[in-house]
PDB file of all heavy atoms in Angstrom:
ATOM      1  N   ALA A   1     -32.780 -18.412  -4.403  1.00  0.00           N
ATOM      2  CA  ALA A   1     -32.875 -19.753  -5.004  1.00  0.00           C
ATOM      3  C   ALA A   1     -32.939 -20.849  -3.954  1.00  0.00           C
ATOM      4  O   ALA A   1     -33.687 -21.830  -4.107  1.00  0.00           O
ATOM      5  CB  ALA A   1     -31.691 -19.987  -5.947  1.00  0.00           C
ATOM      6  N   PHE A   2     -32.171 -20.709  -2.882  1.00  0.00           N
ATOM      7  CA  PHE A   2     -32.074 -21.796  -1.905  1.00  0.00           C
ATOM      8  C   PHE A   2     -32.883 -21.557  -0.630  1.00  0.00           C
ATOM      9  O   PHE A   2     -33.070 -22.484   0.183  1.00  0.00           O
ATOM     10  CB  PHE A   2     -30.594 -22.024  -1.547  1.00  0.00           C
ATOM     11  CG  PHE A   2     -29.796 -22.588  -2.671  1.00  0.00           C
ATOM     12  CD1 PHE A   2     -29.008 -21.764  -3.467  1.00  0.00           C
ATOM     13  CD2 PHE A   2     -29.824 -23.938  -2.966  1.00  0.00           C
ATOM     14  CE1 PHE A   2     -28.270 -22.265  -4.519  1.00  0.00           C
ATOM     15  CE2 PHE A   2     -29.100 -24.469  -4.027  1.00  0.00           C
ATOM     16  CZ  PHE A   2     -28.315 -23.625  -4.807  1.00  0.00           C
ATOM     17  N   LEU A   3     -33.397 -20.346  -0.460  1.00  0.00           N
ATOM     18  CA  LEU A   3     -34.118 -20.014   0.782  1.00  0.00           C
ATOM     19  C   LEU A   3     -35.440 -20.762   0.958  1.00  0.00           C
ATOM     20  O   LEU A   3     -35.752 -21.200   2.085  1.00  0.00           O
ATOM     21  CB  LEU A   3     -34.336 -18.506   0.854  1.00  0.00           C
ATOM     22  CG  LEU A   3     -34.925 -17.952   2.145  1.00  0.00           C
ATOM     23  CD1 LEU A   3     -34.082 -18.345   3.342  1.00  0.00           C
ATOM     24  CD2 LEU A   3     -35.049 -16.430   2.053  1.00  0.00           C
ATOM     25  N   PRO A   4     -36.260 -20.938  -0.092  1.00  0.00           N
ATOM     26  CA  PRO A   4     -37.548 -21.604   0.124  1.00  0.00           C
ATOM     27  C   PRO A   4     -37.414 -22.977   0.767  1.00  0.00           C
ATOM     28  O   PRO A   4     -38.196 -23.319   1.663  1.00  0.00           O
ATOM     29  CB  PRO A   4     -38.123 -21.706  -1.301  1.00  0.00           C
ATOM     30  CG  PRO A   4     -37.533 -20.539  -2.028  1.00  0.00           C
ATOM     31  CD  PRO A   4     -36.120 -20.429  -1.480  1.00  0.00           C
ATOM     32  N   ALA A   5     -36.436 -23.773   0.360  1.00  0.00           N
ATOM     33  CA  ALA A   5     -36.262 -25.115   0.927  1.00  0.00           C
ATOM     34  C   ALA A   5     -35.841 -25.020   2.386  1.00  0.00           C
ATOM     35  O   ALA A   5     -36.275 -25.818   3.231  1.00  0.00           O
ATOM     36  CB  ALA A   5     -35.210 -25.907   0.133  1.00  0.00           C
ATOM     37  N   MET A   6     -34.989 -24.045   2.707  1.00  0.00           N
ATOM     38  CA  MET A   6     -34.576 -23.858   4.109  1.00  0.00           C
ATOM     39  C   MET A   6     -35.763 -23.453   4.973  1.00  0.00           C
ATOM     40  O   MET A   6     -35.931 -23.926   6.093  1.00  0.00           O
ATOM     41  CB  MET A   6     -33.465 -22.803   4.200  1.00  0.00           C
ATOM     42  CG  MET A   6     -32.105 -23.253   3.756  1.00  0.00           C
ATOM     43  SD  MET A   6     -30.850 -21.960   4.060  1.00  0.00           S
ATOM     44  CE  MET A   6     -29.340 -22.862   3.669  1.00  0.00           C
ATOM     45  N   LYS A   7     -36.616 -22.578   4.434  1.00  0.00           N
ATOM     46  CA  LYS A   7     -37.787 -22.147   5.182  1.00  0.00           C
ATOM     47  C   LYS A   7     -38.742 -23.330   5.417  1.00  0.00           C
ATOM     48  O   LYS A   7     -39.326 -23.445   6.505  1.00  0.00           O
ATOM     49  CB  LYS A   7     -38.515 -21.033   4.432  1.00  0.00           C
ATOM     50  CG  LYS A   7     -37.923 -19.637   4.650  1.00  0.00           C
ATOM     51  CD  LYS A   7     -38.820 -18.578   4.030  1.00  0.00           C
ATOM     52  CE  LYS A   7     -38.413 -17.185   4.491  1.00  0.00           C
ATOM     53  NZ  LYS A   7     -39.298 -16.144   3.911  1.00  0.00           N
ATOM     54  N   SER A   8     -38.905 -24.147   4.393  1.00  0.00           N
ATOM     55  CA  SER A   8     -39.779 -25.307   4.549  1.00  0.00           C
ATOM     56  C   SER A   8     -39.291 -26.251   5.633  1.00  0.00           C
ATOM     57  O   SER A   8     -40.081 -26.801   6.391  1.00  0.00           O
ATOM     58  CB  SER A   8     -39.891 -26.069   3.215  1.00  0.00           C
ATOM     59  OG  SER A   8     -40.505 -25.265   2.228  1.00  0.00           O
ATOM     60  N   ARG A   9     -37.975 -26.426   5.716  1.00  0.00           N
ATOM     61  CA  ARG A   9     -37.381 -27.313   6.708  1.00  0.00           C
ATOM     62  C   ARG A   9     -37.278 -26.620   8.072  1.00  0.00           C
ATOM     63  O   ARG A   9     -37.041 -27.259   9.068  1.00  0.00           O
ATOM     64  CB  ARG A   9     -35.968 -27.731   6.276  1.00  0.00           C
ATOM     65  CG  ARG A   9     -35.913 -28.677   5.122  1.00  0.00           C
ATOM     66  CD  ARG A   9     -34.461 -28.927   4.725  1.00  0.00           C
ATOM     67  NE  ARG A   9     -33.699 -29.455   5.860  1.00  0.00           N
ATOM     68  CZ  ARG A   9     -32.472 -29.068   6.168  1.00  0.00           C
ATOM     69  NH1 ARG A   9     -31.865 -28.130   5.457  1.00  0.00           N
ATOM     70  NH2 ARG A   9     -31.839 -29.611   7.178  1.00  0.00           N
ATOM     71  N   ARG A  10     -37.397 -25.278   8.067  1.00  0.00           N
ATOM     72  CA  ARG A  10     -37.169 -24.486   9.262  1.00  0.00           C
ATOM     73  C   ARG A  10     -35.806 -24.783   9.876  1.00  0.00           C
ATOM     74  O   ARG A  10     -35.666 -25.005  11.077  1.00  0.00           O
ATOM     75  CB  ARG A  10     -38.293 -24.723  10.289  1.00  0.00           C
ATOM     76  CG  ARG A  10     -39.616 -24.148   9.829  1.00  0.00           C
ATOM     77  CD  ARG A  10     -40.691 -24.177  10.885  1.00  0.00           C
ATOM     78  NE  ARG A  10     -41.858 -23.400  10.415  1.00  0.00           N
ATOM     79  CZ  ARG A  10     -42.056 -22.123  10.652  1.00  0.00           C
ATOM     80  NH1 ARG A  10     -41.178 -21.431  11.364  1.00  0.00           N
ATOM     81  NH2 ARG A  10     -43.135 -21.503  10.193  1.00  0.00           N
ATOM     82  N   ALA A  11     -34.806 -24.741   8.994  1.00  0.00           N
ATOM     83  CA  ALA A  11     -33.437 -24.964   9.440  1.00  0.00           C
ATOM     84  C   ALA A  11     -32.473 -24.505   8.359  1.00  0.00           C
ATOM     85  O   ALA A  11     -32.751 -24.661   7.163  1.00  0.00           O
ATOM     86  CB  ALA A  11     -33.199 -26.439   9.741  1.00  0.00           C
ATOM     87  N   GLY A  12     -31.353 -23.945   8.772  1.00  0.00           N
ATOM     88  CA  GLY A  12     -30.318 -23.595   7.816  1.00  0.00           C
ATOM     89  C   GLY A  12     -29.438 -22.467   8.310  1.00  0.00           C
ATOM     90  O   GLY A  12     -29.734 -21.794   9.302  1.00  0.00           O
ATOM     91  N   ARG A  13     -28.328 -22.319   7.618  1.00  0.00           N
ATOM     92  CA  ARG A  13     -27.400 -21.228   7.907  1.00  0.00           C
ATOM     93  C   ARG A  13     -26.949 -20.636   6.570  1.00  0.00           C
ATOM     94  O   ARG A  13     -26.592 -21.376   5.650  1.00  0.00           O
ATOM     95  CB  ARG A  13     -26.201 -21.691   8.714  1.00  0.00           C
ATOM     96  CG  ARG A  13     -25.196 -20.574   9.011  1.00  0.00           C
ATOM     97  CD  ARG A  13     -24.108 -21.000   9.968  1.00  0.00           C
ATOM     98  NE  ARG A  13     -24.599 -21.188  11.307  1.00  0.00           N
ATOM     99  CZ  ARG A  13     -24.810 -20.207  12.194  1.00  0.00           C
ATOM    100  NH1 ARG A  13     -24.610 -18.948  11.848  1.00  0.00           N
ATOM    101  NH2 ARG A  13     -25.222 -20.475  13.393  1.00  0.00           N
ATOM    102  N   ILE A  14     -26.948 -19.316   6.508  1.00  0.00           N
ATOM    103  CA  ILE A  14     -26.460 -18.603   5.315  1.00  0.00           C
ATOM    104  C   ILE A  14     -25.285 -17.754   5.754  1.00  0.00           C
ATOM    105  O   ILE A  14     -25.380 -16.976   6.705  1.00  0.00           O
ATOM    106  CB  ILE A  14     -27.578 -17.718   4.716  1.00  0.00           C
ATOM    107  CG1 ILE A  14     -28.763 -18.563   4.269  1.00  0.00           C
ATOM    108  CG2 ILE A  14     -27.025 -16.932   3.517  1.00  0.00           C
ATOM    109  CD1 ILE A  14     -29.988 -17.750   3.895  1.00  0.00           C
ATOM    110  N   ILE A  15     -24.167 -17.905   5.052  1.00  0.00           N
ATOM    111  CA  ILE A  15     -22.951 -17.141   5.356  1.00  0.00           C
ATOM    112  C   ILE A  15     -22.615 -16.315   4.119  1.00  0.00           C
ATOM    113  O   ILE A  15     -22.531 -16.847   3.012  1.00  0.00           O
ATOM    114  CB  ILE A  15     -21.776 -18.093   5.700  1.00  0.00           C
ATOM    115  CG1 ILE A  15     -22.141 -18.933   6.936  1.00  0.00           C
ATOM    116  CG2 ILE A  15     -20.495 -17.295   5.967  1.00  0.00           C
ATOM    117  CD1 ILE A  15     -21.144 -20.026   7.263  1.00  0.00           C
ATOM    118  N   VAL A  16     -22.458 -15.033   4.308  1.00  0.00           N
ATOM    119  CA  VAL A  16     -22.212 -14.126   3.175  1.00  0.00           C
ATOM    120  C   VAL A  16     -20.851 -13.447   3.364  1.00  0.00           C
ATOM    121  O   VAL A  16     -20.577 -12.868   4.420  1.00  0.00           O
ATOM    122  CB  VAL A  16     -23.320 -13.058   3.081  1.00  0.00           C
ATOM    123  CG1 VAL A  16     -23.044 -12.108   1.917  1.00  0.00           C
ATOM    124  CG2 VAL A  16     -24.688 -13.726   2.918  1.00  0.00           C
ATOM    125  N   SER A  17     -20.025 -13.521   2.335  1.00  0.00           N
ATOM    126  CA  SER A  17     -18.725 -12.840   2.367  1.00  0.00           C
ATOM    127  C   SER A  17     -18.924 -11.341   2.131  1.00  0.00           C
ATOM    128  O   SER A  17     -19.320 -10.933   1.048  1.00  0.00           O
ATOM    129  CB  SER A  17     -17.780 -13.398   1.269  1.00  0.00           C
ATOM    130  OG  SER A  17     -17.379 -14.701   1.597  1.00  0.00           O
ATOM    131  N   SER A  18     -18.654 -10.582   3.156  1.00  0.00           N
ATOM    132  CA  SER A  18     -18.683  -9.130   3.011  1.00  0.00           C
ATOM    133  C   SER A  18     -17.228  -8.650   3.078  1.00  0.00           C
ATOM    134  O   SER A  18     -16.316  -9.341   2.612  1.00  0.00           O
ATOM    135  CB  SER A  18     -19.547  -8.488   4.093  1.00  0.00           C
ATOM    136  OG  SER A  18     -19.649  -7.092   3.920  1.00  0.00           O
ATOM    137  N   SER A  19     -17.000  -7.501   3.670  1.00  0.00           N
ATOM    138  CA  SER A  19     -15.672  -6.899   3.648  1.00  0.00           C
ATOM    139  C   SER A  19     -15.633  -5.763   4.649  1.00  0.00           C
ATOM    140  O   SER A  19     -16.682  -5.195   4.993  1.00  0.00           O
ATOM    141  CB  SER A  19     -15.354  -6.376   2.237  1.00  0.00           C
ATOM    142  OG  SER A  19     -14.248  -5.515   2.242  1.00  0.00           O
ATOM    143  N   ILE A  20     -14.426  -5.405   5.077  1.00  0.00           N
ATOM    144  CA  ILE A  20     -14.330  -4.164   5.855  1.00  0.00           C
ATOM    145  C   ILE A  20     -14.788  -2.989   4.992  1.00  0.00           C
ATOM    146  O   ILE A  20     -15.167  -1.938   5.494  1.00  0.00           O
ATOM    147  CB  ILE A  20     -12.903  -3.927   6.411  1.00  0.00           C
ATOM    148  CG1 ILE A  20     -11.875  -3.891   5.278  1.00  0.00           C
ATOM    149  CG2 ILE A  20     -12.553  -4.960   7.446  1.00  0.00           C
ATOM    150  CD1 ILE A  20     -10.519  -3.371   5.717  1.00  0.00           C
ATOM    151  N   GLY A  21     -14.759  -3.200   3.657  1.00  0.00           N
ATOM    152  CA  GLY A  21     -15.266  -2.200   2.724  1.00  0.00           C
ATOM    153  C   GLY A  21     -16.789  -2.060   2.776  1.00  0.00           C
ATOM    154  O   GLY A  21     -17.351  -1.205   2.117  1.00  0.00           O
ATOM    155  N   GLY A  22     -17.440  -2.931   3.554  1.00  0.00           N
ATOM    156  CA  GLY A  22     -18.855  -2.777   3.793  1.00  0.00           C
ATOM    157  C   GLY A  22     -19.147  -2.012   5.061  1.00  0.00           C
ATOM    158  O   GLY A  22     -20.309  -1.719   5.388  1.00  0.00           O
ATOM    159  N   LEU A  23     -18.080  -1.717   5.819  1.00  0.00           N
ATOM    160  CA  LEU A  23     -18.199  -0.982   7.078  1.00  0.00           C
ATOM    161  C   LEU A  23     -17.667   0.443   6.966  1.00  0.00           C
ATOM    162  O   LEU A  23     -18.108   1.346   7.675  1.00  0.00           O
ATOM    163  CB  LEU A  23     -17.436  -1.711   8.188  1.00  0.00           C
ATOM    164  CG  LEU A  23     -17.880  -3.129   8.500  1.00  0.00           C
ATOM    165  CD1 LEU A  23     -16.936  -3.756   9.503  1.00  0.00           C
ATOM    166  CD2 LEU A  23     -19.296  -3.129   9.045  1.00  0.00           C
ATOM    167  N   GLN A  24     -16.690   0.632   6.083  1.00  0.00           N
ATOM    168  CA  GLN A  24     -16.110   1.963   5.909  1.00  0.00           C
ATOM    169  C   GLN A  24     -15.608   2.104   4.477  1.00  0.00           C
ATOM    170  O   GLN A  24     -15.239   1.122   3.840  1.00  0.00           O
ATOM    171  CB  GLN A  24     -14.936   2.172   6.875  1.00  0.00           C
ATOM    172  CG  GLN A  24     -13.786   1.221   6.653  1.00  0.00           C
ATOM    173  CD  GLN A  24     -12.670   1.381   7.684  1.00  0.00           C
ATOM    174  OE1 GLN A  24     -12.916   1.250   8.876  1.00  0.00           O
ATOM    175  NE2 GLN A  24     -11.476   1.672   7.228  1.00  0.00           N
ATOM    176  N   GLY A  25     -15.641   3.318   3.987  1.00  0.00           N
ATOM    177  CA  GLY A  25     -15.172   3.566   2.632  1.00  0.00           C
ATOM    178  C   GLY A  25     -13.662   3.432   2.532  1.00  0.00           C
ATOM    179  O   GLY A  25     -12.934   3.771   3.470  1.00  0.00           O
ATOM    180  N   LEU A  26     -13.177   2.944   1.404  1.00  0.00           N
ATOM    181  CA  LEU A  26     -11.753   2.783   1.165  1.00  0.00           C
ATOM    182  C   LEU A  26     -11.373   3.568  -0.083  1.00  0.00           C
ATOM    183  O   LEU A  26     -12.055   3.506  -1.103  1.00  0.00           O
ATOM    184  CB  LEU A  26     -11.400   1.303   0.946  1.00  0.00           C
ATOM    185  CG  LEU A  26     -11.821   0.352   2.084  1.00  0.00           C
ATOM    186  CD1 LEU A  26     -11.602  -1.097   1.677  1.00  0.00           C
ATOM    187  CD2 LEU A  26     -11.066   0.662   3.370  1.00  0.00           C
ATOM    188  N   PRO A  27     -10.279   4.326  -0.045  1.00  0.00           N
ATOM    189  CA  PRO A  27      -9.867   5.132  -1.204  1.00  0.00           C
ATOM    190  C   PRO A  27      -9.760   4.314  -2.485  1.00  0.00           C
ATOM    191  O   PRO A  27      -9.218   3.189  -2.468  1.00  0.00           O
ATOM    192  CB  PRO A  27      -8.501   5.687  -0.774  1.00  0.00           C
ATOM    193  CG  PRO A  27      -8.538   5.686   0.717  1.00  0.00           C
ATOM    194  CD  PRO A  27      -9.350   4.488   1.105  1.00  0.00           C
ATOM    195  N   PHE A  28     -10.280   4.868  -3.555  1.00  0.00           N
ATOM    196  CA  PHE A  28     -10.243   4.257  -4.898  1.00  0.00           C
ATOM    197  C   PHE A  28     -11.044   2.961  -4.990  1.00  0.00           C
ATOM    198  O   PHE A  28     -10.901   2.198  -5.932  1.00  0.00           O
ATOM    199  CB  PHE A  28      -8.790   4.017  -5.357  1.00  0.00           C
ATOM    200  CG  PHE A  28      -7.973   5.268  -5.371  1.00  0.00           C
ATOM    201  CD1 PHE A  28      -6.916   5.425  -4.480  1.00  0.00           C
ATOM    202  CD2 PHE A  28      -8.277   6.300  -6.242  1.00  0.00           C
ATOM    203  CE1 PHE A  28      -6.169   6.592  -4.473  1.00  0.00           C
ATOM    204  CE2 PHE A  28      -7.533   7.477  -6.230  1.00  0.00           C
ATOM    205  CZ  PHE A  28      -6.481   7.623  -5.348  1.00  0.00           C
ATOM    206  N   ASN A  29     -11.885   2.698  -3.981  1.00  0.00           N
ATOM    207  CA  ASN A  29     -12.756   1.521  -4.004  1.00  0.00           C
ATOM    208  C   ASN A  29     -14.214   1.926  -3.806  1.00  0.00           C
ATOM    209  O   ASN A  29     -15.001   1.161  -3.219  1.00  0.00           O
ATOM    210  CB  ASN A  29     -12.354   0.537  -2.889  1.00  0.00           C
ATOM    211  CG  ASN A  29     -11.163  -0.304  -3.268  1.00  0.00           C
ATOM    212  OD1 ASN A  29     -11.282  -1.337  -3.922  1.00  0.00           O
ATOM    213  ND2 ASN A  29      -9.992   0.156  -2.852  1.00  0.00           N
TER     214      ASN A  29
END
């Protein structure tokens, strides 16, 4: 949704909340 405007301006930062659960498996998760 927001990327086209950033591309047009050729500027921006996107920060995404991940987790250590994106690096290794966690029991029951």
